Amino acid sequence: MTVSRTRVKVCGLTREIDARAAVRAGADALGVILAPGHLRSVTLKQAAKVFAKVPPTVVRVGVFVDAPLEDVSKAVEVLELNEVQLHGSEGPMYCASVAVPVVKTFRVGPGFDPDRMLPYKGAVAAVLLDTLVEGAAGGSGKSFDWNLALEVPDIAPVCLAGGLRPENVREAVRRLRPAGVDVSSGVESAPGIKDEAKIERFIAEVRAAEDENEGRARR
């Protein structure tokens, strides 16, 4: 039995230098937030600079919150996005209308109902579990009860966000074996400013957890 590789996405990028650092550290995907008003929001022009030196082997992701579909389509074309990540109330039909694969975010907190994900089967490439924080669409740096991730229906691969950082991501990957992990504030020195050493440690901890899972699978 082989344990699949966990995709690591570094999100909330605002600077080209940080994108290059994430690529050097081995990130599989990079994300920019194209939602006005967010702490780490960037314009299309700024996002193009962030992605300027990103190799084609690294997935480019645009993050949106209840954006008009035409705005998403324009960003996909201008930035040559490989995926979009939707953090708002976008329904299954909206998700299915996007020209590239969609990762749909569901926020986990009190009253979390995993069955609300069921209508999205076939409309999304993956689901992302993030922490429910009132007034925030993501990037809060707060964790949720990981046991709730075990209740998610099998509609698409499950990725994990919400308060992940180098100190806890190994345990998250060991326990939940997510398809991917998404980090933003957990590898920053200030909002929107990434710390290369933290990115390197974060990815190293993910790979160490994979090795541990592989070892257990072989026994």
C-alpha atoms as a PDB file:
ATOM      1  CA  MET A   1       0.000   0.000   0.000  1.00  0.00           C
ATOM      2  CA  THR A   2       1.337   3.436  -0.953  1.00  0.00           C
ATOM      3  CA  VAL A   3       0.286   6.590   0.882  1.00  0.00           C
ATOM      4  CA  SER A   4      -0.381   9.378  -1.625  1.00  0.00           C
ATOM      5  CA  ARG A   5       1.523  12.636  -1.493  1.00  0.00           C
ATOM      6  CA  THR A   6      -0.136  15.507   0.354  1.00  0.00           C
ATOM      7  CA  ARG A   7      -0.351  18.641  -1.751  1.00  0.00           C
ATOM      8  CA  VAL A   8       1.019  21.729  -0.003  1.00  0.00           C
ATOM      9  CA  LYS A   9      -0.457  25.078  -0.987  1.00  0.00           C
ATOM     10  CA  VAL A  10       0.954  28.359   0.268  1.00  0.00           C
ATOM     11  CA  CYS A  11      -1.815  30.947   0.086  1.00  0.00           C
ATOM     12  CA  GLY A  12      -2.271  34.657   0.650  1.00  0.00           C
ATOM     13  CA  LEU A  13       0.825  35.559  -1.359  1.00  0.00           C
ATOM     14  CA  THR A  14       1.341  39.263  -1.986  1.00  0.00           C
ATOM     15  CA  ARG A  15       4.969  39.392  -3.138  1.00  0.00           C
ATOM     16  CA  GLU A  16       6.938  37.747  -5.920  1.00  0.00           C
ATOM     17  CA  ILE A  17       9.853  37.120  -3.546  1.00  0.00           C
ATOM     18  CA  ASP A  18       7.609  35.001  -1.325  1.00  0.00           C
ATOM     19  CA  ALA A  19       6.305  33.013  -4.286  1.00  0.00           C
ATOM     20  CA  ARG A  20       9.876  32.209  -5.295  1.00  0.00           C
ATOM     21  CA  ALA A  21      10.671  31.163  -1.721  1.00  0.00           C
ATOM     22  CA  ALA A  22       7.665  28.840  -1.635  1.00  0.00           C
ATOM     23  CA  VAL A  23       8.702  27.260  -4.937  1.00  0.00           C
ATOM     24  CA  ARG A  24      12.247  26.719  -3.645  1.00  0.00           C
ATOM     25  CA  ALA A  25      10.854  25.084  -0.511  1.00  0.00           C
ATOM     26  CA  GLY A  26       8.838  22.612  -2.573  1.00  0.00           C
ATOM     27  CA  ALA A  27       5.295  23.994  -2.511  1.00  0.00           C
ATOM     28  CA  ASP A  28       2.959  22.243  -4.930  1.00  0.00           C
ATOM     29  CA  ALA A  29       0.537  25.148  -5.325  1.00  0.00           C
ATOM     30  CA  LEU A  30       0.494  28.901  -4.720  1.00  0.00           C
ATOM     31  CA  GLY A  31      -2.557  31.037  -4.034  1.00  0.00           C
ATOM     32  CA  VAL A  32      -3.447  34.703  -4.370  1.00  0.00           C
ATOM     33  CA  ILE A  33      -6.547  36.241  -2.838  1.00  0.00           C
ATOM     34  CA  LEU A  34      -8.638  38.088  -5.406  1.00  0.00           C
ATOM     35  CA  ALA A  35     -11.362  39.142  -2.986  1.00  0.00           C
ATOM     36  CA  PRO A  36     -11.485  42.873  -2.228  1.00  0.00           C
ATOM     37  CA  GLY A  37     -11.298  43.831   1.424  1.00  0.00           C
ATOM     38  CA  HIS A  38      -9.331  40.813   2.580  1.00  0.00           C
ATOM     39  CA  LEU A  39      -6.182  41.456   4.594  1.00  0.00           C
ATOM     40  CA  ARG A  40      -4.079  39.776   1.893  1.00  0.00           C
ATOM     41  CA  SER A  41      -6.035  40.831  -1.194  1.00  0.00           C
ATOM     42  CA  VAL A  42      -4.186  41.636  -4.400  1.00  0.00           C
ATOM     43  CA  THR A  43      -5.278  43.097  -7.720  1.00  0.00           C
ATOM     44  CA  LEU A  44      -4.919  41.229 -10.991  1.00  0.00           C
ATOM     45  CA  LYS A  45      -1.843  43.326 -11.760  1.00  0.00           C
ATOM     46  CA  GLN A  46      -0.269  42.530  -8.397  1.00  0.00           C
ATOM     47  CA  ALA A  47      -1.149  38.848  -8.750  1.00  0.00           C
ATOM     48  CA  ALA A  48       0.537  38.741 -12.159  1.00  0.00           C
ATOM     49  CA  LYS A  49       3.743  39.971 -10.486  1.00  0.00           C
ATOM     50  CA  VAL A  50       3.432  37.344  -7.754  1.00  0.00           C
ATOM     51  CA  PHE A  51       3.168  34.604 -10.382  1.00  0.00           C
ATOM     52  CA  ALA A  52       5.767  36.103 -12.752  1.00  0.00           C
ATOM     53  CA  LYS A  53       8.511  33.542 -12.097  1.00  0.00           C
ATOM     54  CA  VAL A  54       6.385  30.568 -11.021  1.00  0.00           C
ATOM     55  CA  PRO A  55       7.247  27.452 -13.056  1.00  0.00           C
ATOM     56  CA  PRO A  56       4.462  25.591 -14.885  1.00  0.00           C
ATOM     57  CA  THR A  57       4.889  22.590 -12.576  1.00  0.00           C
ATOM     58  CA  VAL A  58       3.461  24.619  -9.672  1.00  0.00           C
ATOM     59  CA  VAL A  59      -0.329  25.068  -9.554  1.00  0.00           C
ATOM     60  CA  ARG A  60      -1.617  28.647  -9.669  1.00  0.00           C
ATOM     61  CA  VAL A  61      -4.749  29.225  -7.603  1.00  0.00           C
ATOM     62  CA  GLY A  62      -7.006  32.253  -7.376  1.00  0.00           C
ATOM     63  CA  VAL A  63      -9.157  32.652  -4.262  1.00  0.00           C
ATOM     64  CA  PHE A  64     -12.564  34.335  -4.584  1.00  0.00           C
ATOM     65  CA  VAL A  65     -15.501  35.153  -2.313  1.00  0.00           C
ATOM     66  CA  ASP A  66     -18.895  35.409  -4.040  1.00  0.00           C
ATOM     67  CA  ALA A  67     -17.375  37.069  -7.095  1.00  0.00           C
ATOM     68  CA  PRO A  68     -19.312  37.504 -10.342  1.00  0.00           C
ATOM     69  CA  LEU A  69     -18.555  34.562 -12.589  1.00  0.00           C
ATOM     70  CA  GLU A  70     -17.227  36.883 -15.282  1.00  0.00           C
ATOM     71  CA  ASP A  71     -14.629  38.243 -12.841  1.00  0.00           C
ATOM     72  CA  VAL A  72     -13.462  34.717 -12.095  1.00  0.00           C
ATOM     73  CA  SER A  73     -13.284  33.893 -15.784  1.00  0.00           C
ATOM     74  CA  LYS A  74     -11.223  37.023 -16.479  1.00  0.00           C
ATOM     75  CA  ALA A  75      -8.764  36.180 -13.710  1.00  0.00           C
ATOM     76  CA  VAL A  76      -8.413  32.605 -14.968  1.00  0.00           C
ATOM     77  CA  GLU A  77      -7.523  33.933 -18.418  1.00  0.00           C
ATOM     78  CA  VAL A  78      -5.261  36.817 -17.380  1.00  0.00           C
ATOM     79  CA  LEU A  79      -3.328  34.927 -14.696  1.00  0.00           C
ATOM     80  CA  GLU A  80      -3.456  31.521 -16.410  1.00  0.00           C
ATOM     81  CA  LEU A  81      -4.897  30.017 -13.239  1.00  0.00           C
ATOM     82  CA  ASN A  82      -4.954  26.244 -12.951  1.00  0.00           C
ATOM     83  CA  GLU A  83      -7.608  26.245 -10.216  1.00  0.00           C
ATOM     84  CA  VAL A  84      -9.916  28.534  -8.330  1.00  0.00           C
ATOM     85  CA  GLN A  85     -10.780  28.323  -4.651  1.00  0.00           C
ATOM     86  CA  LEU A  86     -14.203  29.579  -3.631  1.00  0.00           C
ATOM     87  CA  HIS A  87     -14.739  30.809  -0.067  1.00  0.00           C
ATOM     88  CA  GLY A  88     -18.240  32.239  -0.244  1.00  0.00           C
ATOM     89  CA  SER A  89     -21.764  30.921  -0.676  1.00  0.00           C
ATOM     90  CA  GLU A  90     -21.199  29.742  -4.267  1.00  0.00           C
ATOM     91  CA  GLY A  91     -23.577  26.915  -5.144  1.00  0.00           C
ATOM     92  CA  PRO A  92     -22.953  23.733  -7.139  1.00  0.00           C
ATOM     93  CA  MET A  93     -24.144  25.255 -10.428  1.00  0.00           C
ATOM     94  CA  TYR A  94     -21.763  28.188 -10.018  1.00  0.00           C
ATOM     95  CA  CYS A  95     -18.880  25.811  -9.269  1.00  0.00           C
ATOM     96  CA  ALA A  96     -19.678  23.669 -12.295  1.00  0.00           C
ATOM     97  CA  SER A  97     -19.640  26.777 -14.519  1.00  0.00           C
ATOM     98  CA  VAL A  98     -16.016  27.663 -13.790  1.00  0.00           C
ATOM     99  CA  ALA A  99     -13.640  26.754 -16.623  1.00  0.00           C
ATOM    100  CA  VAL A 100     -10.935  25.265 -14.369  1.00  0.00           C
ATOM    101  CA  PRO A 101     -11.135  22.863 -11.413  1.00  0.00           C
ATOM    102  CA  VAL A 102     -12.788  24.285  -8.311  1.00  0.00           C
ATOM    103  CA  VAL A 103     -11.833  23.787  -4.684  1.00  0.00           C
ATOM    104  CA  LYS A 104     -14.883  24.681  -2.582  1.00  0.00           C
ATOM    105  CA  THR A 105     -14.311  25.848   0.962  1.00  0.00           C
ATOM    106  CA  PHE A 106     -16.590  24.818   3.813  1.00  0.00           C
ATOM    107  CA  ARG A 107     -16.092  26.471   7.169  1.00  0.00           C
ATOM    108  CA  VAL A 108     -16.202  24.273  10.227  1.00  0.00           C
ATOM    109  CA  GLY A 109     -17.540  25.418  13.572  1.00  0.00           C
ATOM    110  CA  PRO A 110     -20.559  25.082  15.862  1.00  0.00           C
ATOM    111  CA  GLY A 111     -23.454  23.443  14.059  1.00  0.00           C
ATOM    112  CA  PHE A 112     -21.262  22.118  11.257  1.00  0.00           C
ATOM    113  CA  ASP A 113     -23.407  19.987   8.949  1.00  0.00           C
ATOM    114  CA  PRO A 114     -21.280  17.881   6.587  1.00  0.00           C
ATOM    115  CA  ASP A 115     -24.354  16.844   4.590  1.00  0.00           C
ATOM    116  CA  ARG A 116     -24.533  20.314   3.053  1.00  0.00           C
ATOM    117  CA  MET A 117     -21.574  19.246   0.942  1.00  0.00           C
ATOM    118  CA  LEU A 118     -23.520  16.485  -0.789  1.00  0.00           C
ATOM    119  CA  PRO A 119     -25.000  18.641  -3.596  1.00  0.00           C
ATOM    120  CA  TYR A 120     -21.466  19.566  -4.665  1.00  0.00           C
ATOM    121  CA  LYS A 121     -20.562  16.037  -5.721  1.00  0.00           C
ATOM    122  CA  GLY A 122     -19.406  16.173  -9.335  1.00  0.00           C
ATOM    123  CA  ALA A 123     -19.237  19.979  -9.328  1.00  0.00           C
ATOM    124  CA  VAL A 124     -15.931  20.410  -7.482  1.00  0.00           C
ATOM    125  CA  ALA A 125     -12.468  18.896  -7.727  1.00  0.00           C
ATOM    126  CA  ALA A 126     -11.883  19.050  -3.975  1.00  0.00           C
ATOM    127  CA  VAL A 127     -13.287  20.471  -0.754  1.00  0.00           C
ATOM    128  CA  LEU A 128     -11.316  22.565   1.698  1.00  0.00           C
ATOM    129  CA  LEU A 129     -12.180  22.612   5.378  1.00  0.00           C
ATOM    130  CA  ASP A 130     -11.419  25.918   7.086  1.00  0.00           C
ATOM    131  CA  THR A 131     -12.278  27.353  10.472  1.00  0.00           C
ATOM    132  CA  LEU A 132     -15.524  29.252  10.892  1.00  0.00           C
ATOM    133  CA  VAL A 133     -14.731  32.708  12.253  1.00  0.00           C
ATOM    134  CA  GLU A 134     -17.536  35.255  12.081  1.00  0.00           C
ATOM    135  CA  GLY A 135     -16.688  38.092   9.727  1.00  0.00           C
ATOM    136  CA  ALA A 136     -13.696  36.318   8.180  1.00  0.00           C
ATOM    137  CA  ALA A 137     -13.631  34.355   4.926  1.00  0.00           C
ATOM    138  CA  GLY A 138     -10.340  32.669   5.804  1.00  0.00           C
ATOM    139  CA  GLY A 139      -6.806  33.383   6.950  1.00  0.00           C
ATOM    140  CA  SER A 140      -7.836  33.669  10.593  1.00  0.00           C
ATOM    141  CA  GLY A 141      -5.029  31.478  11.906  1.00  0.00           C
ATOM    142  CA  LYS A 142      -7.511  29.575  14.080  1.00  0.00           C
ATOM    143  CA  SER A 143      -7.943  25.801  14.113  1.00  0.00           C
ATOM    144  CA  PHE A 144     -11.125  23.736  14.315  1.00  0.00           C
ATOM    145  CA  ASP A 145     -11.832  20.357  15.868  1.00  0.00           C
ATOM    146  CA  TRP A 146     -10.096  18.004  13.449  1.00  0.00           C
ATOM    147  CA  ASN A 147     -12.389  15.153  14.471  1.00  0.00           C
ATOM    148  CA  LEU A 148     -15.141  16.892  12.496  1.00  0.00           C
ATOM    149  CA  ALA A 149     -13.150  16.288   9.307  1.00  0.00           C
ATOM    150  CA  LEU A 150     -13.789  12.580   9.730  1.00  0.00           C
ATOM    151  CA  GLU A 151     -17.524  13.208   9.189  1.00  0.00           C
ATOM    152  CA  VAL A 152     -17.131  14.660   5.691  1.00  0.00           C
ATOM    153  CA  PRO A 153     -18.984  12.673   3.007  1.00  0.00           C
ATOM    154  CA  ASP A 154     -17.011  11.114   0.183  1.00  0.00           C
ATOM    155  CA  ILE A 155     -17.815  13.606  -2.563  1.00  0.00           C
ATOM    156  CA  ALA A 156     -14.273  14.773  -3.460  1.00  0.00           C
ATOM    157  CA  PRO A 157     -10.731  14.801  -2.034  1.00  0.00           C
ATOM    158  CA  VAL A 158     -10.540  16.692   1.262  1.00  0.00           C
ATOM    159  CA  CYS A 159      -7.974  19.402   1.950  1.00  0.00           C
ATOM    160  CA  LEU A 160      -7.311  21.019   5.301  1.00  0.00           C
ATOM    161  CA  ALA A 161      -6.773  24.645   6.334  1.00  0.00           C
ATOM    162  CA  GLY A 162      -7.381  26.716   9.431  1.00  0.00           C
ATOM    163  CA  GLY A 163      -4.603  27.437  11.894  1.00  0.00           C
ATOM    164  CA  LEU A 164      -2.063  25.104  10.330  1.00  0.00           C
ATOM    165  CA  ARG A 165       1.551  25.934  11.109  1.00  0.00           C
ATOM    166  CA  PRO A 166       4.876  24.099  11.321  1.00  0.00           C
ATOM    167  CA  GLU A 167       4.162  23.091  14.920  1.00  0.00           C
ATOM    168  CA  ASN A 168       0.923  21.219  14.240  1.00  0.00           C
ATOM    169  CA  VAL A 169       0.767  20.227  10.567  1.00  0.00           C
ATOM    170  CA  ARG A 170       2.597  16.941  11.093  1.00  0.00           C
ATOM    171  CA  GLU A 171      -0.074  15.764  13.516  1.00  0.00           C
ATOM    172  CA  ALA A 172      -2.832  16.924  11.172  1.00  0.00           C
ATOM    173  CA  VAL A 173      -1.417  14.946   8.253  1.00  0.00           C
ATOM    174  CA  ARG A 174      -0.752  11.889  10.408  1.00  0.00           C
ATOM    175  CA  ARG A 175      -4.280  11.821  11.816  1.00  0.00           C
ATOM    176  CA  LEU A 176      -6.381  12.899   8.854  1.00  0.00           C
ATOM    177  CA  ARG A 177      -4.272  12.057   5.784  1.00  0.00           C
ATOM    178  CA  PRO A 178      -5.783  14.945   3.806  1.00  0.00           C
ATOM    179  CA  ALA A 179      -5.329  15.252   0.067  1.00  0.00           C
ATOM    180  CA  GLY A 180      -3.804  18.649   0.686  1.00  0.00           C
ATOM    181  CA  VAL A 181      -2.964  21.256   3.292  1.00  0.00           C
ATOM    182  CA  ASP A 182      -3.347  25.004   2.854  1.00  0.00           C
ATOM    183  CA  VAL A 183      -1.304  27.504   4.850  1.00  0.00           C
ATOM    184  CA  SER A 184      -1.224  31.288   4.957  1.00  0.00           C
ATOM    185  CA  SER A 185      -0.798  33.032   8.306  1.00  0.00           C
ATOM    186  CA  GLY A 186       1.021  30.000   9.746  1.00  0.00           C
ATOM    187  CA  VAL A 187       4.107  30.765   7.650  1.00  0.00           C
ATOM    188  CA  GLU A 188       4.133  34.549   7.952  1.00  0.00           C
ATOM    189  CA  SER A 189       6.251  37.078   9.800  1.00  0.00           C
ATOM    190  CA  ALA A 190       3.500  39.686   9.269  1.00  0.00           C
ATOM    191  CA  PRO A 191       0.147  39.634   7.425  1.00  0.00           C
ATOM    192  CA  GLY A 192       0.898  39.002   3.753  1.00  0.00           C
ATOM    193  CA  ILE A 193       4.662  38.678   4.366  1.00  0.00           C
ATOM    194  CA  LYS A 194       5.886  35.093   4.250  1.00  0.00           C
ATOM    195  CA  ASP A 195       8.819  33.674   6.210  1.00  0.00           C
ATOM    196  CA  GLU A 196      10.929  31.347   4.070  1.00  0.00           C
ATOM    197  CA  ALA A 197      12.244  29.385   7.043  1.00  0.00           C
ATOM    198  CA  LYS A 198       8.675  28.739   8.249  1.00  0.00           C
ATOM    199  CA  ILE A 199       7.616  27.613   4.775  1.00  0.00           C
ATOM    200  CA  GLU A 200      10.560  25.207   4.611  1.00  0.00           C
ATOM    201  CA  ARG A 201       9.790  23.799   8.048  1.00  0.00           C
ATOM    202  CA  PHE A 202       6.085  23.498   7.282  1.00  0.00           C
ATOM    203  CA  ILE A 203       6.716  21.470   4.132  1.00  0.00           C
ATOM    204  CA  ALA A 204       9.350  19.357   5.879  1.00  0.00           C
ATOM    205  CA  GLU A 205       6.830  18.501   8.603  1.00  0.00           C
ATOM    206  CA  VAL A 206       4.254  17.454   5.982  1.00  0.00           C
ATOM    207  CA  ARG A 207       6.764  15.172   4.271  1.00  0.00           C
ATOM    208  CA  ALA A 208       7.835  13.719   7.618  1.00  0.00           C
ATOM    209  CA  ALA A 209       4.215  12.870   8.404  1.00  0.00           C
ATOM    210  CA  GLU A 210       3.890  11.183   5.018  1.00  0.00           C
ATOM    211  CA  ASP A 211       6.944   9.069   5.782  1.00  0.00           C
ATOM    212  CA  GLU A 212       5.436   8.057   9.117  1.00  0.00           C
ATOM    213  CA  ASN A 213       2.142   7.146   7.456  1.00  0.00           C
ATOM    214  CA  GLU A 214       4.010   5.160   4.810  1.00  0.00           C
ATOM    215  CA  GLY A 215       5.865   3.258   7.511  1.00  0.00           C
ATOM    216  CA  ARG A 216       2.644   2.400   9.322  1.00  0.00           C
ATOM    217  CA  ALA A 217       1.014   1.288   6.070  1.00  0.00           C
ATOM    218  CA  ARG A 218       3.836  -1.141   5.389  1.00  0.00           C
ATOM    219  CA  ARG A 219       3.535  -2.836   8.771  1.00  0.00           C
END
